[in-house]
């Protein structure tokens, strides 16, 4: 196996295949990884057999993904308003859940908590409809552009208030962490739906507002690729100015609007992932976040290709 000392691997890849946490971690260890990111679908039942592995030093935890461990509440899942809730009680609960995730991260010796900070709410999943139009008729088609304009008008009108509340929520959580002496980064992740926060501009605004705190950008490479294709922000143009803000990356590639594929391998293009190598270099925490369809030999080939490109 190629050296993976400086890389971690998300349980996103195999969590649907395992009811026992130990089996899930052992499968990741068989790929050659000794550090994992525990994603938001990890349950307390999984942790019952994972925690002894952590305590014995059999596996290291790079990061946990808020909300952690899993709770069955759609108001606080990965696609929700979360830290931007206008309702005070809901936002208070979201902050409490983030603090809980940070506490687990500190307990496990993890370096970061990955956070989906929020979104501008719509009456329905307009992102899904836009992606269907994109696939059917293209980004420049009249139906896509008309619906995109509708989405952006609402997003641009409402996002400043949601971003402001997200900043306040993150500040509350970080103040609590400081009092507890936790040294855990909070990475706000680039998202996979066009109405979700943050864009790169919003991420910069949030990080600047919280300068001196542990809040940074968790640059999900595949999601950022997808949002550029849809037209939300000029990802590659803005990436250089975002490099100092990056605390971690999710490494995966997007084929059109399908994400979590192996870089270099599934695109079939030798240089397809090269523009994102500066983000991998800049990140303190590097996590492969791949879908279950990615086979072990493809993961190994992808990692070898990535290392070769970084060294070139």
Protein backbone atom coordinates (compact mmCIF):
# COMPACT_ATOMS: atom_id res chain seq x y z
CA UNK A 1 0.00 0.00 0.00
CA UNK A 2 1.13 3.53 -0.75
CA UNK A 3 2.02 5.63 2.29
CA UNK A 4 -1.14 7.19 3.72
CA UNK A 5 0.27 8.63 6.92
CA UNK A 6 -0.87 12.17 6.13
CA UNK A 7 -4.33 11.20 4.91
CA UNK A 8 -7.57 10.16 6.54
CA UNK A 9 -10.56 8.25 5.19
CA UNK A 10 -14.25 8.89 5.83
CA UNK A 11 -16.70 6.27 7.02
CA UNK A 12 -18.99 7.73 4.34
CA UNK A 13 -17.51 5.00 2.09
CA UNK A 14 -18.69 1.93 3.95
CA UNK A 15 -21.09 2.86 6.75
CA UNK A 16 -24.09 1.48 4.87
CA UNK A 17 -22.40 -1.92 4.73
CA UNK A 18 -21.79 -2.32 8.46
CA UNK A 19 -23.89 -2.46 11.58
CA UNK A 20 -20.80 -3.05 13.74
CA UNK A 21 -18.43 -0.12 14.09
CA UNK A 22 -15.33 -2.28 14.49
CA UNK A 23 -15.99 -4.06 11.19
CA UNK A 24 -16.41 -0.70 9.45
CA UNK A 25 -13.09 0.59 10.78
CA UNK A 26 -11.27 -2.66 10.04
CA UNK A 27 -12.36 -2.45 6.40
CA UNK A 28 -10.89 1.06 6.18
CA UNK A 29 -7.70 -0.15 7.86
CA UNK A 30 -7.45 -2.84 5.17
CA UNK A 31 -7.05 0.00 2.63
CA UNK A 32 -3.92 1.14 4.46
CA UNK A 33 -5.41 4.11 6.32
CA UNK A 34 -4.73 4.54 10.02
CA UNK A 35 -6.81 7.67 10.50
CA UNK A 36 -10.53 8.06 9.87
CA UNK A 37 -13.19 10.71 9.77
CA UNK A 38 -16.32 9.59 11.60
CA UNK A 39 -19.18 10.91 9.51
CA UNK A 40 -22.61 12.08 10.62
CA UNK A 41 -24.27 8.68 10.15
CA UNK A 42 -22.12 7.06 12.83
CA UNK A 43 -24.40 6.01 15.68
CA UNK A 44 -23.79 5.40 19.36
CA UNK A 45 -24.09 1.69 18.60
CA UNK A 46 -21.19 2.00 16.13
CA UNK A 47 -19.17 3.86 18.75
CA UNK A 48 -19.58 1.07 21.27
CA UNK A 49 -17.01 -0.97 19.31
CA UNK A 50 -15.05 1.95 17.79
CA UNK A 51 -14.17 3.67 21.06
CA UNK A 52 -12.13 0.72 22.39
CA UNK A 53 -10.14 0.80 19.13
CA UNK A 54 -9.41 4.50 19.67
CA UNK A 55 -8.40 3.90 23.29
CA UNK A 56 -6.01 1.10 22.28
CA UNK A 57 -4.48 3.24 19.53
CA UNK A 58 -5.63 0.92 16.75
CA UNK A 59 -7.09 3.86 14.84
CA UNK A 60 -6.69 7.64 14.95
CA UNK A 61 -9.56 10.07 14.45
CA UNK A 62 -8.77 13.04 12.23
CA UNK A 63 -12.22 14.61 12.43
CA UNK A 64 -15.86 14.06 13.25
CA UNK A 65 -18.75 15.36 11.18
CA UNK A 66 -21.47 17.38 12.88
CA UNK A 67 -24.10 16.40 13.99
CA UNK A 68 -22.21 13.67 15.81
CA UNK A 69 -23.13 11.04 16.71
CA UNK A 70 -26.23 10.58 14.55
CA UNK A 71 -29.60 11.85 15.73
CA UNK A 72 -32.88 11.12 13.94
CA UNK A 73 -34.20 14.67 13.65
CA UNK A 74 -34.63 16.28 10.22
CA UNK A 75 -34.42 19.78 11.72
CA UNK A 76 -30.77 19.11 12.56
CA UNK A 77 -29.60 16.84 9.77
CA UNK A 78 -26.96 17.67 7.18
CA UNK A 79 -29.40 19.48 4.89
CA UNK A 80 -31.10 21.95 7.19
CA UNK A 81 -31.03 25.58 8.34
CA UNK A 82 -29.11 24.40 11.43
CA UNK A 83 -26.88 27.21 12.79
CA UNK A 84 -28.90 29.85 10.91
CA UNK A 85 -32.33 29.16 12.39
CA UNK A 86 -34.36 32.31 12.98
CA UNK A 87 -36.24 30.60 15.81
CA UNK A 88 -34.16 31.14 18.96
CA UNK A 89 -34.92 27.73 20.54
CA UNK A 90 -34.00 25.84 17.37
CA UNK A 91 -30.77 27.74 16.96
CA UNK A 92 -29.91 27.16 20.63
CA UNK A 93 -30.39 23.43 20.08
CA UNK A 94 -28.20 23.53 16.95
CA UNK A 95 -25.42 25.23 18.92
CA UNK A 96 -25.74 22.62 21.68
CA UNK A 97 -25.41 19.83 19.13
CA UNK A 98 -22.30 21.43 17.62
CA UNK A 99 -20.79 21.71 21.11
CA UNK A 100 -21.56 18.02 21.64
CA UNK A 101 -19.73 17.19 18.38
CA UNK A 102 -16.76 19.28 19.51
CA UNK A 103 -16.72 17.45 22.84
CA UNK A 104 -16.55 14.08 21.07
CA UNK A 105 -13.78 15.40 18.82
CA UNK A 106 -11.76 16.52 21.83
CA UNK A 107 -12.35 13.18 23.58
CA UNK A 108 -11.10 11.25 20.55
CA UNK A 109 -8.09 13.47 19.94
CA UNK A 110 -9.56 14.67 16.62
CA UNK A 111 -8.27 17.84 15.03
CA UNK A 112 -11.57 19.17 13.66
CA UNK A 113 -15.32 19.08 13.45
CA UNK A 114 -16.75 19.36 9.94
CA UNK A 115 -19.88 21.52 9.88
CA UNK A 116 -22.66 22.13 7.38
CA UNK A 117 -23.54 25.58 8.72
CA UNK A 118 -26.93 26.17 7.12
CA UNK A 119 -28.93 27.20 4.10
CA UNK A 120 -31.47 29.61 2.70
CA UNK A 121 -34.69 27.60 3.02
CA UNK A 122 -36.97 26.96 0.06
CA UNK A 123 -40.45 25.47 0.02
CA UNK A 124 -39.08 22.46 -1.88
CA UNK A 125 -35.75 21.08 -3.07
CA UNK A 126 -35.15 23.55 -5.90
CA UNK A 127 -31.58 22.27 -6.24
CA UNK A 128 -32.88 18.85 -7.31
CA UNK A 129 -35.06 20.42 -10.00
CA UNK A 130 -32.17 22.56 -11.22
CA UNK A 131 -29.88 19.54 -11.48
CA UNK A 132 -32.52 17.66 -13.46
CA UNK A 133 -32.82 20.61 -15.85
CA UNK A 134 -29.02 20.80 -16.09
CA UNK A 135 -28.82 17.13 -17.08
CA UNK A 136 -31.76 17.33 -19.45
CA UNK A 137 -31.23 20.61 -21.27
CA UNK A 138 -27.97 22.17 -20.06
CA UNK A 139 -26.93 25.13 -17.96
CA UNK A 140 -27.49 27.66 -20.75
CA UNK A 141 -31.02 26.48 -21.55
CA UNK A 142 -33.94 28.84 -20.99
CA UNK A 143 -35.72 26.63 -18.40
CA UNK A 144 -32.54 26.26 -16.34
CA UNK A 145 -31.68 29.96 -16.49
CA UNK A 146 -35.23 31.00 -15.54
CA UNK A 147 -35.31 28.76 -12.47
CA UNK A 148 -31.72 29.66 -11.58
CA UNK A 149 -32.62 33.36 -11.61
CA UNK A 150 -35.56 32.64 -9.30
CA UNK A 151 -33.36 30.71 -6.91
CA UNK A 152 -30.59 33.32 -6.87
CA UNK A 153 -32.97 36.22 -6.22
CA UNK A 154 -34.23 34.55 -3.06
CA UNK A 155 -30.78 33.34 -2.04
CA UNK A 156 -29.16 36.77 -2.42
CA UNK A 157 -32.01 38.50 -0.62
CA UNK A 158 -32.05 36.22 2.42
CA UNK A 159 -28.51 34.86 2.81
CA UNK A 160 -27.02 37.87 4.69
CA UNK A 161 -29.38 37.33 7.64
CA UNK A 162 -28.68 33.59 7.72
CA UNK A 163 -24.93 34.17 7.50
CA UNK A 164 -25.13 36.64 10.39
CA UNK A 165 -26.94 34.13 12.58
CA UNK A 166 -24.45 31.42 11.60
CA UNK A 167 -21.61 33.68 12.74
CA UNK A 168 -23.30 34.22 16.11
CA UNK A 169 -23.90 30.47 16.52
CA UNK A 170 -20.29 29.60 15.70
CA UNK A 171 -19.09 32.27 18.11
CA UNK A 172 -21.19 30.78 20.92
CA UNK A 173 -19.85 27.29 20.29
CA UNK A 174 -16.24 28.46 20.03
CA UNK A 175 -16.50 30.51 23.23
CA UNK A 176 -17.69 27.37 25.02
CA UNK A 177 -14.78 25.39 23.56
CA UNK A 178 -12.27 27.98 24.75
CA UNK A 179 -13.64 27.76 28.30
CA UNK A 180 -13.32 23.97 28.16
CA UNK A 181 -9.80 24.15 26.75
CA UNK A 182 -10.71 22.20 23.61
CA UNK A 183 -8.26 22.64 20.73
CA UNK A 184 -10.52 21.58 17.89
CA UNK A 185 -10.90 23.37 14.55
CA UNK A 186 -14.40 24.03 13.21
CA UNK A 187 -14.45 23.62 9.43
CA UNK A 188 -17.42 25.12 7.61
CA UNK A 189 -17.89 22.97 4.53
CA UNK A 190 -18.54 23.98 0.94
CA UNK A 191 -21.88 22.38 0.15
CA UNK A 192 -23.53 20.30 -2.55
CA UNK A 193 -26.82 22.18 -3.02
CA UNK A 194 -26.98 25.63 -4.55
CA UNK A 195 -29.19 27.16 -1.83
CA UNK A 196 -26.86 26.01 0.95
CA UNK A 197 -24.36 28.17 2.81
CA UNK A 198 -21.50 28.91 2.32
CA UNK A 199 -20.33 30.06 -1.06
CA UNK A 200 -16.62 30.81 -0.98
CA UNK A 201 -17.41 34.52 -0.53
CA UNK A 202 -19.71 33.70 2.37
CA UNK A 203 -17.08 31.41 3.88
CA UNK A 204 -14.51 34.20 3.75
CA UNK A 205 -16.98 36.58 5.39
CA UNK A 206 -17.73 34.11 8.19
CA UNK A 207 -14.05 33.34 8.84
CA UNK A 208 -13.12 37.03 8.79
CA UNK A 209 -15.90 37.84 11.26
CA UNK A 210 -14.53 35.14 13.58
CA UNK A 211 -10.84 35.87 13.11
CA UNK A 212 -8.85 34.49 16.03
CA UNK A 213 -11.34 31.67 16.58
CA UNK A 214 -10.82 28.06 15.46
CA UNK A 215 -13.27 28.50 12.56
CA UNK A 216 -11.85 27.83 9.10
CA UNK A 217 -12.95 26.63 5.69
CA UNK A 218 -13.47 22.92 5.11
CA UNK A 219 -12.98 22.85 1.36
CA UNK A 220 -15.00 19.98 -0.08
CA UNK A 221 -13.39 19.75 -3.49
CA UNK A 222 -16.12 17.79 -5.27
CA UNK A 223 -18.89 20.04 -3.96
CA UNK A 224 -17.03 23.16 -5.04
CA UNK A 225 -16.53 21.68 -8.51
CA UNK A 226 -20.26 20.99 -8.73
CA UNK A 227 -21.29 24.48 -7.61
CA UNK A 228 -19.03 26.05 -10.21
CA UNK A 229 -20.61 23.91 -12.92
CA UNK A 230 -24.08 24.96 -11.81
CA UNK A 231 -23.04 28.63 -11.79
CA UNK A 232 -23.08 29.50 -8.08
CA UNK A 233 -19.53 30.83 -7.80
CA UNK A 234 -16.27 30.90 -9.82
CA UNK A 235 -14.56 28.23 -7.76
CA UNK A 236 -11.15 28.05 -9.42
CA UNK A 237 -10.94 31.82 -9.79
CA UNK A 238 -11.61 32.35 -6.09
CA UNK A 239 -9.66 29.37 -4.73
CA UNK A 240 -6.24 31.11 -4.48
CA UNK A 241 -7.57 33.74 -2.07
CA UNK A 242 -9.24 31.03 0.02
CA UNK A 243 -6.11 28.91 0.55
CA UNK A 244 -5.11 30.65 3.82
CA UNK A 245 -8.56 29.89 5.26
CA UNK A 246 -8.53 26.15 4.57
CA UNK A 247 -8.23 23.91 7.63
CA UNK A 248 -9.28 20.68 5.92
CA UNK A 249 -10.34 19.14 2.63
CA UNK A 250 -12.67 16.41 1.49
CA UNK A 251 -10.93 14.77 -1.43
CA UNK A 252 -13.22 13.47 -4.16
CA UNK A 253 -14.08 14.24 -7.74
CA UNK A 254 -17.35 15.17 -9.39
CA UNK A 255 -18.46 13.74 -12.72
CA UNK A 256 -20.87 16.35 -14.07
CA UNK A 257 -23.13 16.69 -10.99
CA UNK A 258 -22.38 13.30 -9.41
CA UNK A 259 -19.93 13.50 -6.52
CA UNK A 260 -17.70 11.35 -4.30
CA UNK A 261 -15.75 9.59 -7.08
CA UNK A 262 -12.02 8.79 -7.00
CA UNK A 263 -9.84 11.65 -8.31
CA UNK A 264 -8.08 10.90 -11.62
CA UNK A 265 -9.50 7.38 -11.82
CA UNK A 266 -13.17 7.91 -12.58
CA UNK A 267 -12.85 11.05 -14.69
CA UNK A 268 -10.43 9.28 -17.01
CA UNK A 269 -8.63 12.60 -17.52
CA UNK A 270 -4.98 12.75 -16.54
CA UNK A 271 -5.00 16.36 -15.31
CA UNK A 272 -8.62 16.67 -14.23
CA UNK A 273 -7.89 17.13 -10.56
CA UNK A 274 -4.67 19.15 -10.84
CA UNK A 275 -6.27 22.60 -10.30
CA UNK A 276 -7.29 21.49 -6.80
CA UNK A 277 -3.86 20.30 -5.67
CA UNK A 278 -3.07 23.68 -4.02
CA UNK A 279 -6.05 23.11 -1.71
CA UNK A 280 -4.77 19.65 -0.78
CA UNK A 281 -1.33 21.11 -0.07
CA UNK A 282 -2.81 23.93 2.03
CA UNK A 283 -4.99 21.69 4.19
CA UNK A 284 -3.87 20.52 7.59
CA UNK A 285 -6.36 17.65 7.44
CA UNK A 286 -6.85 15.65 4.24
CA UNK A 287 -9.79 13.26 4.13
CA UNK A 288 -10.91 11.02 1.30
CA UNK A 289 -14.71 11.15 1.18
CA UNK A 290 -15.72 8.54 -1.36
CA UNK A 291 -18.92 6.73 -2.23
CA UNK A 292 -19.48 3.03 -1.67
CA UNK A 293 -19.18 2.27 -5.39
CA UNK A 294 -15.46 3.10 -5.30
CA UNK A 295 -13.52 -0.18 -5.23
CA UNK A 296 -10.36 -0.71 -3.14
CA UNK A 297 -8.12 -0.98 -6.23
CA UNK A 298 -9.60 2.29 -7.57
CA UNK A 299 -8.99 4.02 -4.24
CA UNK A 300 -5.38 2.84 -4.23
CA UNK A 301 -4.83 3.94 -7.84
CA UNK A 302 -6.39 7.32 -7.08
CA UNK A 303 -4.16 7.86 -4.05
CA UNK A 304 -1.04 6.89 -6.02
CA UNK A 305 -2.00 9.34 -8.77
CA UNK A 306 -2.64 12.11 -6.26
CA UNK A 307 0.73 11.61 -4.56
CA UNK A 308 2.52 11.55 -7.91
CA UNK A 309 0.87 14.79 -8.97
CA UNK A 310 1.66 16.49 -5.67
CA UNK A 311 5.33 15.46 -5.99
CA UNK A 312 5.62 16.42 -9.65
